[in-house]
Amino acid sequence: MPKLRDVCRYVRSKNAGPFWVTIDLFFKNEESFRKYHASEAISPRRIAEAYGVDPALVKYFAVENLNVVKISFPRKTSQGGVVERDMHQGQQYVRLLSIELT
């Protein structure tokens, strides 16, 4: 089974304000996008499990004309808080790279 890193040319995470994180999945081509963008492995429920957030709060957007999936969810702590370990959320995508897609 292919992993997310195999079908995406670029995966990034970033702030979406001080209370949200956005992860962008740039698929390599239209074929990969069509085949995997709706995979259960990257569904809102699975993203919620991976990041420990309420599934009802995960927002999932498939941007077909760009072959991109955008996923947003609330941060566990606000940006710049005492326990902040990744202020810009630039490292949060890494745990998704090894996800096997179906």
PDB file of N, CA and C in Angstrom:
ATOM      1  N   MET A   1       0.842  -1.185   0.000  1.00  0.00           N
ATOM      2  CA  MET A   1       0.000   0.000   0.000  1.00  0.00           C
ATOM      3  C   MET A   1       0.880   1.238   0.000  1.00  0.00           C
ATOM      4  N   PRO A   2       0.526   2.217  -0.807  1.00  0.00           N
ATOM      5  CA  PRO A   2       1.327   3.441  -0.828  1.00  0.00           C
ATOM      6  C   PRO A   2       1.118   4.251   0.448  1.00  0.00           C
ATOM      7  N   LYS A   3       2.136   4.964   0.810  1.00  0.00           N
ATOM      8  CA  LYS A   3       2.051   5.862   1.965  1.00  0.00           C
ATOM      9  C   LYS A   3       1.792   7.271   1.453  1.00  0.00           C
ATOM     10  N   LEU A   4       1.320   8.114   2.337  1.00  0.00           N
ATOM     11  CA  LEU A   4       1.001   9.483   1.945  1.00  0.00           C
ATOM     12  C   LEU A   4       2.200  10.162   1.290  1.00  0.00           C
ATOM     13  N   ARG A   5       3.384   9.941   1.820  1.00  0.00           N
ATOM     14  CA  ARG A   5       4.587  10.565   1.251  1.00  0.00           C
ATOM     15  C   ARG A   5       4.866  10.109  -0.178  1.00  0.00           C
ATOM     16  N   ASP A   6       4.322   8.949  -0.576  1.00  0.00           N
ATOM     17  CA  ASP A   6       4.542   8.427  -1.920  1.00  0.00           C
ATOM     18  C   ASP A   6       3.627   9.063  -2.963  1.00  0.00           C
ATOM     19  N   VAL A   7       2.475   9.540  -2.547  1.00  0.00           N
ATOM     20  CA  VAL A   7       1.495  10.071  -3.500  1.00  0.00           C
ATOM     21  C   VAL A   7       1.381  11.592  -3.469  1.00  0.00           C
ATOM     22  N   CYS A   8       2.059  12.217  -2.511  1.00  0.00           N
ATOM     23  CA  CYS A   8       2.045  13.682  -2.425  1.00  0.00           C
ATOM     24  C   CYS A   8       3.417  14.226  -2.780  1.00  0.00           C
ATOM     25  N   ARG A   9       3.437  15.307  -3.530  1.00  0.00           N
ATOM     26  CA  ARG A   9       4.720  15.929  -3.854  1.00  0.00           C
ATOM     27  C   ARG A   9       5.164  16.861  -2.742  1.00  0.00           C
ATOM     28  N   TYR A  10       4.190  17.301  -1.940  1.00  0.00           N
ATOM     29  CA  TYR A  10       4.495  18.230  -0.862  1.00  0.00           C
ATOM     30  C   TYR A  10       3.415  18.098   0.202  1.00  0.00           C
ATOM     31  N   VAL A  11       3.826  18.050   1.451  1.00  0.00           N
ATOM     32  CA  VAL A  11       2.903  18.032   2.583  1.00  0.00           C
ATOM     33  C   VAL A  11       3.420  19.073   3.558  1.00  0.00           C
ATOM     34  N   ARG A  12       2.528  19.942   4.024  1.00  0.00           N
ATOM     35  CA  ARG A  12       2.984  20.972   4.960  1.00  0.00           C
ATOM     36  C   ARG A  12       1.917  21.215   6.023  1.00  0.00           C
ATOM     37  N   SER A  13       2.380  21.728   7.145  1.00  0.00           N
ATOM     38  CA  SER A  13       1.469  22.152   8.203  1.00  0.00           C
ATOM     39  C   SER A  13       1.859  23.569   8.589  1.00  0.00           C
ATOM     40  N   LYS A  14       0.858  24.307   9.072  1.00  0.00           N
ATOM     41  CA  LYS A  14       1.105  25.708   9.415  1.00  0.00           C
ATOM     42  C   LYS A  14      -0.005  26.220  10.319  1.00  0.00           C
ATOM     43  N   ASN A  15       0.249  27.370  10.890  1.00  0.00           N
ATOM     44  CA  ASN A  15      -0.777  28.037  11.674  1.00  0.00           C
ATOM     45  C   ASN A  15      -1.940  28.437  10.791  1.00  0.00           C
ATOM     46  N   ALA A  16      -3.116  28.409  11.387  1.00  0.00           N
ATOM     47  CA  ALA A  16      -4.302  28.991  10.760  1.00  0.00           C
ATOM     48  C   ALA A  16      -4.885  29.911  11.825  1.00  0.00           C
ATOM     49  N   GLY A  17      -4.041  30.803  12.298  1.00  0.00           N
ATOM     50  CA  GLY A  17      -4.398  31.656  13.424  1.00  0.00           C
ATOM     51  C   GLY A  17      -3.845  31.044  14.704  1.00  0.00           C
ATOM     52  N   PRO A  18      -4.021  31.714  15.838  1.00  0.00           N
ATOM     53  CA  PRO A  18      -3.435  31.227  17.090  1.00  0.00           C
ATOM     54  C   PRO A  18      -4.130  30.017  17.692  1.00  0.00           C
ATOM     55  N   PHE A  19      -5.271  29.615  17.128  1.00  0.00           N
ATOM     56  CA  PHE A  19      -6.029  28.519  17.718  1.00  0.00           C
ATOM     57  C   PHE A  19      -6.265  27.329  16.782  1.00  0.00           C
ATOM     58  N   TRP A  20      -5.782  27.412  15.547  1.00  0.00           N
ATOM     59  CA  TRP A  20      -6.019  26.354  14.548  1.00  0.00           C
ATOM     60  C   TRP A  20      -4.737  25.975  13.824  1.00  0.00           C
ATOM     61  N   VAL A  21      -4.711  24.742  13.326  1.00  0.00           N
ATOM     62  CA  VAL A  21      -3.625  24.207  12.497  1.00  0.00           C
ATOM     63  C   VAL A  21      -4.227  23.803  11.152  1.00  0.00           C
ATOM     64  N   THR A  22      -3.484  24.036  10.080  1.00  0.00           N
ATOM     65  CA  THR A  22      -3.901  23.573   8.763  1.00  0.00           C
ATOM     66  C   THR A  22      -2.806  22.687   8.180  1.00  0.00           C
ATOM     67  N   ILE A  23      -3.228  21.568   7.614  1.00  0.00           N
ATOM     68  CA  ILE A  23      -2.314  20.673   6.915  1.00  0.00           C
ATOM     69  C   ILE A  23      -2.747  20.640   5.454  1.00  0.00           C
ATOM     70  N   ASP A  24      -1.785  20.853   4.563  1.00  0.00           N
ATOM     71  CA  ASP A  24      -2.055  20.843   3.126  1.00  0.00           C
ATOM     72  C   ASP A  24      -1.374  19.626   2.508  1.00  0.00           C
ATOM     73  N   LEU A  25      -2.138  18.865   1.730  1.00  0.00           N
ATOM     74  CA  LEU A  25      -1.627  17.698   1.020  1.00  0.00           C
ATOM     75  C   LEU A  25      -1.670  18.002  -0.472  1.00  0.00           C
ATOM     76  N   PHE A  26      -0.511  18.199  -1.065  1.00  0.00           N
ATOM     77  CA  PHE A  26      -0.407  18.492  -2.496  1.00  0.00           C
ATOM     78  C   PHE A  26      -0.101  17.174  -3.216  1.00  0.00           C
ATOM     79  N   PHE A  27      -1.101  16.600  -3.832  1.00  0.00           N
ATOM     80  CA  PHE A  27      -0.917  15.323  -4.517  1.00  0.00           C
ATOM     81  C   PHE A  27      -0.062  15.507  -5.770  1.00  0.00           C
ATOM     82  N   LYS A  28       0.679  14.468  -6.137  1.00  0.00           N
ATOM     83  CA  LYS A  28       1.611  14.537  -7.261  1.00  0.00           C
ATOM     84  C   LYS A  28       0.932  14.823  -8.588  1.00  0.00           C
ATOM     85  N   ASN A  29      -0.275  14.289  -8.743  1.00  0.00           N
ATOM     86  CA  ASN A  29      -0.976  14.459 -10.013  1.00  0.00           C
ATOM     87  C   ASN A  29      -2.470  14.215  -9.810  1.00  0.00           C
ATOM     88  N   GLU A  30      -3.220  14.428 -10.866  1.00  0.00           N
ATOM     89  CA  GLU A  30      -4.674  14.265 -10.794  1.00  0.00           C
ATOM     90  C   GLU A  30      -5.054  12.820 -10.473  1.00  0.00           C
ATOM     91  N   GLU A  31      -4.334  11.879 -11.031  1.00  0.00           N
ATOM     92  CA  GLU A  31      -4.617  10.464 -10.777  1.00  0.00           C
ATOM     93  C   GLU A  31      -4.490  10.126  -9.286  1.00  0.00           C
ATOM     94  N   SER A  32      -3.408  10.559  -8.674  1.00  0.00           N
ATOM     95  CA  SER A  32      -3.209  10.315  -7.238  1.00  0.00           C
ATOM     96  C   SER A  32      -4.286  11.000  -6.408  1.00  0.00           C
ATOM     97  N   PHE A  33      -4.609  12.220  -6.774  1.00  0.00           N
ATOM     98  CA  PHE A  33      -5.649  12.953  -6.053  1.00  0.00           C
ATOM     99  C   PHE A  33      -6.965  12.187  -6.116  1.00  0.00           C
ATOM    100  N   ARG A  34      -7.374  11.819  -7.307  1.00  0.00           N
ATOM    101  CA  ARG A  34      -8.665  11.124  -7.479  1.00  0.00           C
ATOM    102  C   ARG A  34      -8.696   9.794  -6.715  1.00  0.00           C
ATOM    103  N   LYS A  35      -7.589   9.100  -6.724  1.00  0.00           N
ATOM    104  CA  LYS A  35      -7.542   7.781  -6.103  1.00  0.00           C
ATOM    105  C   LYS A  35      -7.510   7.851  -4.570  1.00  0.00           C
ATOM    106  N   TYR A  36      -6.849   8.868  -4.005  1.00  0.00           N
ATOM    107  CA  TYR A  36      -6.583   8.860  -2.566  1.00  0.00           C
ATOM    108  C   TYR A  36      -7.188  10.009  -1.754  1.00  0.00           C
ATOM    109  N   HIS A  37      -7.721  11.026  -2.379  1.00  0.00           N
ATOM    110  CA  HIS A  37      -8.162  12.187  -1.584  1.00  0.00           C
ATOM    111  C   HIS A  37      -9.292  11.848  -0.614  1.00  0.00           C
ATOM    112  N   ALA A  38     -10.077  10.826  -0.904  1.00  0.00           N
ATOM    113  CA  ALA A  38     -11.175  10.444  -0.019  1.00  0.00           C
ATOM    114  C   ALA A  38     -10.840   9.203   0.814  1.00  0.00           C
ATOM    115  N   SER A  39      -9.580   8.866   0.904  1.00  0.00           N
ATOM    116  CA  SER A  39      -9.159   7.690   1.668  1.00  0.00           C
ATOM    117  C   SER A  39      -9.547   7.823   3.138  1.00  0.00           C
ATOM    118  N   GLU A  40     -10.011   6.735   3.701  1.00  0.00           N
ATOM    119  CA  GLU A  40     -10.349   6.712   5.130  1.00  0.00           C
ATOM    120  C   GLU A  40      -9.133   7.062   5.986  1.00  0.00           C
ATOM    121  N   ALA A  41      -7.933   6.782   5.499  1.00  0.00           N
ATOM    122  CA  ALA A  41      -6.709   7.039   6.257  1.00  0.00           C
ATOM    123  C   ALA A  41      -6.487   8.520   6.553  1.00  0.00           C
ATOM    124  N   ILE A  42      -7.066   9.395   5.735  1.00  0.00           N
ATOM    125  CA  ILE A  42      -6.925  10.842   5.977  1.00  0.00           C
ATOM    126  C   ILE A  42      -8.293  11.490   6.194  1.00  0.00           C
ATOM    127  N   SER A  43      -9.242  10.710   6.640  1.00  0.00           N
ATOM    128  CA  SER A  43     -10.581  11.231   6.927  1.00  0.00           C
ATOM    129  C   SER A  43     -10.547  12.099   8.184  1.00  0.00           C
ATOM    130  N   PRO A  44     -11.529  12.950   8.369  1.00  0.00           N
ATOM    131  CA  PRO A  44     -11.579  13.760   9.591  1.00  0.00           C
ATOM    132  C   PRO A  44     -11.491  12.917  10.870  1.00  0.00           C
ATOM    133  N   ARG A  45     -12.120  11.762  10.864  1.00  0.00           N
ATOM    134  CA  ARG A  45     -12.065  10.902  12.055  1.00  0.00           C
ATOM    135  C   ARG A  45     -10.636  10.445  12.355  1.00  0.00           C
ATOM    136  N   ARG A  46      -9.923  10.033  11.318  1.00  0.00           N
ATOM    137  CA  ARG A  46      -8.546   9.559  11.514  1.00  0.00           C
ATOM    138  C   ARG A  46      -7.593  10.698  11.877  1.00  0.00           C
ATOM    139  N   ILE A  47      -7.815  11.867  11.294  1.00  0.00           N
ATOM    140  CA  ILE A  47      -6.995  13.030  11.651  1.00  0.00           C
ATOM    141  C   ILE A  47      -7.236  13.387  13.113  1.00  0.00           C
ATOM    142  N   ALA A  48      -8.493  13.347  13.531  1.00  0.00           N
ATOM    143  CA  ALA A  48      -8.833  13.637  14.927  1.00  0.00           C
ATOM    144  C   ALA A  48      -8.125  12.666  15.870  1.00  0.00           C
ATOM    145  N   GLU A  49      -8.099  11.397  15.498  1.00  0.00           N
ATOM    146  CA  GLU A  49      -7.401  10.397  16.310  1.00  0.00           C
ATOM    147  C   GLU A  49      -5.905  10.697  16.382  1.00  0.00           C
ATOM    148  N   ALA A  50      -5.318  11.024  15.256  1.00  0.00           N
ATOM    149  CA  ALA A  50      -3.872  11.267  15.196  1.00  0.00           C
ATOM    150  C   ALA A  50      -3.444  12.474  16.019  1.00  0.00           C
ATOM    151  N   TYR A  51      -4.297  13.486  16.085  1.00  0.00           N
ATOM    152  CA  TYR A  51      -3.926  14.726  16.763  1.00  0.00           C
ATOM    153  C   TYR A  51      -4.682  14.954  18.067  1.00  0.00           C
ATOM    154  N   GLY A  52      -5.506  14.004  18.465  1.00  0.00           N
ATOM    155  CA  GLY A  52      -6.192  14.092  19.740  1.00  0.00           C
ATOM    156  C   GLY A  52      -7.189  15.232  19.842  1.00  0.00           C
ATOM    157  N   VAL A  53      -7.954  15.433  18.775  1.00  0.00           N
ATOM    158  CA  VAL A  53      -8.967  16.490  18.785  1.00  0.00           C
ATOM    159  C   VAL A  53     -10.352  15.890  18.524  1.00  0.00           C
ATOM    160  N   ASP A  54     -11.371  16.667  18.750  1.00  0.00           N
ATOM    161  CA  ASP A  54     -12.748  16.246  18.524  1.00  0.00           C
ATOM    162  C   ASP A  54     -12.999  16.121  17.021  1.00  0.00           C
ATOM    163  N   PRO A  55     -13.424  14.950  16.544  1.00  0.00           N
ATOM    164  CA  PRO A  55     -13.664  14.771  15.102  1.00  0.00           C
ATOM    165  C   PRO A  55     -14.668  15.766  14.525  1.00  0.00           C
ATOM    166  N   ALA A  56     -15.609  16.210  15.325  1.00  0.00           N
ATOM    167  CA  ALA A  56     -16.613  17.162  14.844  1.00  0.00           C
ATOM    168  C   ALA A  56     -16.002  18.516  14.503  1.00  0.00           C
ATOM    169  N   LEU A  57     -14.800  18.773  15.001  1.00  0.00           N
ATOM    170  CA  LEU A  57     -14.154  20.065  14.758  1.00  0.00           C
ATOM    171  C   LEU A  57     -13.149  20.041  13.608  1.00  0.00           C
ATOM    172  N   VAL A  58     -12.883  18.864  13.056  1.00  0.00           N
ATOM    173  CA  VAL A  58     -11.934  18.750  11.944  1.00  0.00           C
ATOM    174  C   VAL A  58     -12.625  19.190  10.656  1.00  0.00           C
ATOM    175  N   LYS A  59     -11.990  20.110   9.943  1.00  0.00           N
ATOM    176  CA  LYS A  59     -12.533  20.602   8.674  1.00  0.00           C
ATOM    177  C   LYS A  59     -11.689  20.022   7.537  1.00  0.00           C
ATOM    178  N   TYR A  60     -12.371  19.509   6.523  1.00  0.00           N
ATOM    179  CA  TYR A  60     -11.714  18.816   5.419  1.00  0.00           C
ATOM    180  C   TYR A  60     -12.195  19.428   4.106  1.00  0.00           C
ATOM    181  N   PHE A  61     -11.252  19.892   3.297  1.00  0.00           N
ATOM    182  CA  PHE A  61     -11.589  20.518   2.018  1.00  0.00           C
ATOM    183  C   PHE A  61     -10.766  19.872   0.913  1.00  0.00           C
ATOM    184  N   ALA A  62     -11.425  19.334  -0.090  1.00  0.00           N
ATOM    185  CA  ALA A  62     -10.740  18.810  -1.272  1.00  0.00           C
ATOM    186  C   ALA A  62     -10.840  19.871  -2.361  1.00  0.00           C
ATOM    187  N   VAL A  63      -9.696  20.315  -2.855  1.00  0.00           N
ATOM    188  CA  VAL A  63      -9.645  21.349  -3.896  1.00  0.00           C
ATOM    189  C   VAL A  63      -9.244  20.649  -5.190  1.00  0.00           C
ATOM    190  N   GLU A  64     -10.242  20.212  -5.909  1.00  0.00           N
ATOM    191  CA  GLU A  64     -10.028  19.339  -7.073  1.00  0.00           C
ATOM    192  C   GLU A  64      -9.165  19.973  -8.161  1.00  0.00           C
ATOM    193  N   ASN A  65      -9.408  21.232  -8.485  1.00  0.00           N
ATOM    194  CA  ASN A  65      -8.659  21.841  -9.587  1.00  0.00           C
ATOM    195  C   ASN A  65      -7.176  22.055  -9.261  1.00  0.00           C
ATOM    196  N   LEU A  66      -6.803  21.926  -7.991  1.00  0.00           N
ATOM    197  CA  LEU A  66      -5.398  22.046  -7.600  1.00  0.00           C
ATOM    198  C   LEU A  66      -4.789  20.717  -7.146  1.00  0.00           C
ATOM    199  N   ASN A  67      -5.604  19.658  -7.071  1.00  0.00           N
ATOM    200  CA  ASN A  67      -5.157  18.357  -6.560  1.00  0.00           C
ATOM    201  C   ASN A  67      -4.623  18.469  -5.137  1.00  0.00           C
ATOM    202  N   VAL A  68      -5.359  19.202  -4.318  1.00  0.00           N
ATOM    203  CA  VAL A  68      -4.943  19.487  -2.946  1.00  0.00           C
ATOM    204  C   VAL A  68      -6.060  19.125  -1.972  1.00  0.00           C
ATOM    205  N   VAL A  69      -5.671  18.642  -0.810  1.00  0.00           N
ATOM    206  CA  VAL A  69      -6.588  18.474   0.307  1.00  0.00           C
ATOM    207  C   VAL A  69      -6.087  19.365   1.426  1.00  0.00           C
ATOM    208  N   LYS A  70      -6.984  20.116   2.013  1.00  0.00           N
ATOM    209  CA  LYS A  70      -6.674  21.017   3.118  1.00  0.00           C
ATOM    210  C   LYS A  70      -7.460  20.528   4.320  1.00  0.00           C
ATOM    211  N   ILE A  71      -6.771  20.298   5.425  1.00  0.00           N
ATOM    212  CA  ILE A  71      -7.382  19.798   6.647  1.00  0.00           C
ATOM    213  C   ILE A  71      -7.038  20.765   7.776  1.00  0.00           C
ATOM    214  N   SER A  72      -8.044  21.220   8.497  1.00  0.00           N
ATOM    215  CA  SER A  72      -7.825  22.145   9.608  1.00  0.00           C
ATOM    216  C   SER A  72      -8.459  21.590  10.874  1.00  0.00           C
ATOM    217  N   PHE A  73      -7.817  21.864  11.994  1.00  0.00           N
ATOM    218  CA  PHE A  73      -8.345  21.416  13.279  1.00  0.00           C
ATOM    219  C   PHE A  73      -7.816  22.343  14.376  1.00  0.00           C
ATOM    220  N   PRO A  74      -8.511  22.381  15.514  1.00  0.00           N
ATOM    221  CA  PRO A  74      -8.076  23.271  16.593  1.00  0.00           C
ATOM    222  C   PRO A  74      -6.786  22.773  17.248  1.00  0.00           C
ATOM    223  N   ARG A  75      -5.969  23.719  17.651  1.00  0.00           N
ATOM    224  CA  ARG A  75      -4.745  23.401  18.390  1.00  0.00           C
ATOM    225  C   ARG A  75      -5.115  22.989  19.800  1.00  0.00           C
ATOM    226  N   LYS A  76      -4.284  22.163  20.412  1.00  0.00           N
ATOM    227  CA  LYS A  76      -4.528  21.770  21.804  1.00  0.00           C
ATOM    228  C   LYS A  76      -4.280  22.939  22.751  1.00  0.00           C
ATOM    229  N   THR A  77      -3.298  23.754  22.429  1.00  0.00           N
ATOM    230  CA  THR A  77      -3.026  24.956  23.220  1.00  0.00           C
ATOM    231  C   THR A  77      -2.864  26.115  22.254  1.00  0.00           C
ATOM    232  N   SER A  78      -3.135  27.303  22.700  1.00  0.00           N
ATOM    233  CA  SER A  78      -3.017  28.456  21.807  1.00  0.00           C
ATOM    234  C   SER A  78      -1.550  28.752  21.500  1.00  0.00           C
ATOM    235  N   GLN A  79      -1.316  29.392  20.383  1.00  0.00           N
ATOM    236  CA  GLN A  79       0.032  29.734  19.949  1.00  0.00           C
ATOM    237  C   GLN A  79       0.718  30.611  20.989  1.00  0.00           C
ATOM    238  N   GLY A  80       1.967  30.282  21.285  1.00  0.00           N
ATOM    239  CA  GLY A  80       2.762  31.080  22.206  1.00  0.00           C
ATOM    240  C   GLY A  80       2.512  30.780  23.669  1.00  0.00           C
ATOM    241  N   GLY A  81       1.722  29.752  23.957  1.00  0.00           N
ATOM    242  CA  GLY A  81       1.443  29.383  25.343  1.00  0.00           C
ATOM    243  C   GLY A  81       2.671  28.805  26.024  1.00  0.00           C
ATOM    244  N   VAL A  82       2.583  28.649  27.319  1.00  0.00           N
ATOM    245  CA  VAL A  82       3.699  28.170  28.129  1.00  0.00           C
ATOM    246  C   VAL A  82       4.195  26.795  27.679  1.00  0.00           C
ATOM    247  N   VAL A  83       3.299  25.937  27.250  1.00  0.00           N
ATOM    248  CA  VAL A  83       3.700  24.586  26.851  1.00  0.00           C
ATOM    249  C   VAL A  83       3.913  24.449  25.340  1.00  0.00           C
ATOM    250  N   GLU A  84       3.965  25.543  24.631  1.00  0.00           N
ATOM    251  CA  GLU A  84       4.139  25.530  23.170  1.00  0.00           C
ATOM    252  C   GLU A  84       5.461  24.885  22.788  1.00  0.00           C
ATOM    253  N   ARG A  85       5.408  23.935  21.839  1.00  0.00           N
ATOM    254  CA  ARG A  85       6.625  23.263  21.377  1.00  0.00           C
ATOM    255  C   ARG A  85       6.873  23.501  19.899  1.00  0.00           C
ATOM    256  N   ASP A  86       5.892  23.979  19.193  1.00  0.00           N
ATOM    257  CA  ASP A  86       6.019  24.216  17.751  1.00  0.00           C
ATOM    258  C   ASP A  86       5.158  25.431  17.422  1.00  0.00           C
ATOM    259  N   MET A  87       5.682  26.589  17.681  1.00  0.00           N
ATOM    260  CA  MET A  87       4.903  27.824  17.619  1.00  0.00           C
ATOM    261  C   MET A  87       4.186  28.035  16.296  1.00  0.00           C
ATOM    262  N   HIS A  88       4.806  27.664  15.194  1.00  0.00           N
ATOM    263  CA  HIS A  88       4.205  27.879  13.877  1.00  0.00           C
ATOM    264  C   HIS A  88       3.573  26.608  13.303  1.00  0.00           C
ATOM    265  N   GLN A  89       3.599  25.525  14.082  1.00  0.00           N
ATOM    266  CA  GLN A  89       3.011  24.240  13.696  1.00  0.00           C
ATOM    267  C   GLN A  89       3.632  23.665  12.426  1.00  0.00           C
ATOM    268  N   GLY A  90       4.831  24.090  12.099  1.00  0.00           N
ATOM    269  CA  GLY A  90       5.506  23.662  10.876  1.00  0.00           C
ATOM    270  C   GLY A  90       5.991  22.222  10.878  1.00  0.00           C
ATOM    271  N   GLN A  91       5.962  21.544  12.027  1.00  0.00           N
ATOM    272  CA  GLN A  91       6.436  20.156  12.097  1.00  0.00           C
ATOM    273  C   GLN A  91       5.304  19.152  12.274  1.00  0.00           C
ATOM    274  N   GLN A  92       4.088  19.615  12.335  1.00  0.00           N
ATOM    275  CA  GLN A  92       2.962  18.735  12.669  1.00  0.00           C
ATOM    276  C   GLN A  92       2.576  17.759  11.553  1.00  0.00           C
ATOM    277  N   TYR A  93       2.977  18.021  10.344  1.00  0.00           N
ATOM    278  CA  TYR A  93       2.642  17.143   9.222  1.00  0.00           C
ATOM    279  C   TYR A  93       3.391  15.822   9.253  1.00  0.00           C
ATOM    280  N   VAL A  94       4.531  15.769   9.932  1.00  0.00           N
ATOM    281  CA  VAL A  94       5.439  14.617   9.861  1.00  0.00           C
ATOM    282  C   VAL A  94       4.746  13.311  10.231  1.00  0.00           C
ATOM    283  N   ARG A  95       3.889  13.327  11.233  1.00  0.00           N
ATOM    284  CA  ARG A  95       3.254  12.071  11.661  1.00  0.00           C
ATOM    285  C   ARG A  95       2.314  11.486  10.600  1.00  0.00           C
ATOM    286  N   LEU A  96       1.950  12.258   9.587  1.00  0.00           N
ATOM    287  CA  LEU A  96       1.059  11.757   8.531  1.00  0.00           C
ATOM    288  C   LEU A  96       1.811  11.104   7.376  1.00  0.00           C
ATOM    289  N   LEU A  97       3.080  11.379   7.224  1.00  0.00           N
ATOM    290  CA  LEU A  97       3.821  10.907   6.064  1.00  0.00           C
ATOM    291  C   LEU A  97       3.823   9.398   5.891  1.00  0.00           C
ATOM    292  N   SER A  98       3.775   8.651   6.972  1.00  0.00           N
ATOM    293  CA  SER A  98       3.843   7.190   6.913  1.00  0.00           C
ATOM    294  C   SER A  98       2.485   6.509   6.893  1.00  0.00           C
ATOM    295  N   ILE A  99       1.421   7.281   6.846  1.00  0.00           N
ATOM    296  CA  ILE A  99       0.077   6.697   6.811  1.00  0.00           C
ATOM    297  C   ILE A  99      -0.098   5.919   5.508  1.00  0.00           C
ATOM    298  N   GLU A 100      -0.580   4.692   5.628  1.00  0.00           N
ATOM    299  CA  GLU A 100      -0.860   3.881   4.443  1.00  0.00           C
ATOM    300  C   GLU A 100      -2.257   4.205   3.925  1.00  0.00           C
ATOM    301  N   LEU A 101      -2.338   4.436   2.640  1.00  0.00           N
ATOM    302  CA  LEU A 101      -3.602   4.804   1.996  1.00  0.00           C
ATOM    303  C   LEU A 101      -4.261   3.588   1.365  1.00  0.00           C
ATOM    304  N   THR A 102      -5.578   3.612   1.322  1.00  0.00           N
ATOM    305  CA  THR A 102      -6.315   2.502   0.707  1.00  0.00           C
ATOM    306  C   THR A 102      -7.099   3.006  -0.474  1.00  0.00           C
TER     307      THR A 102
END
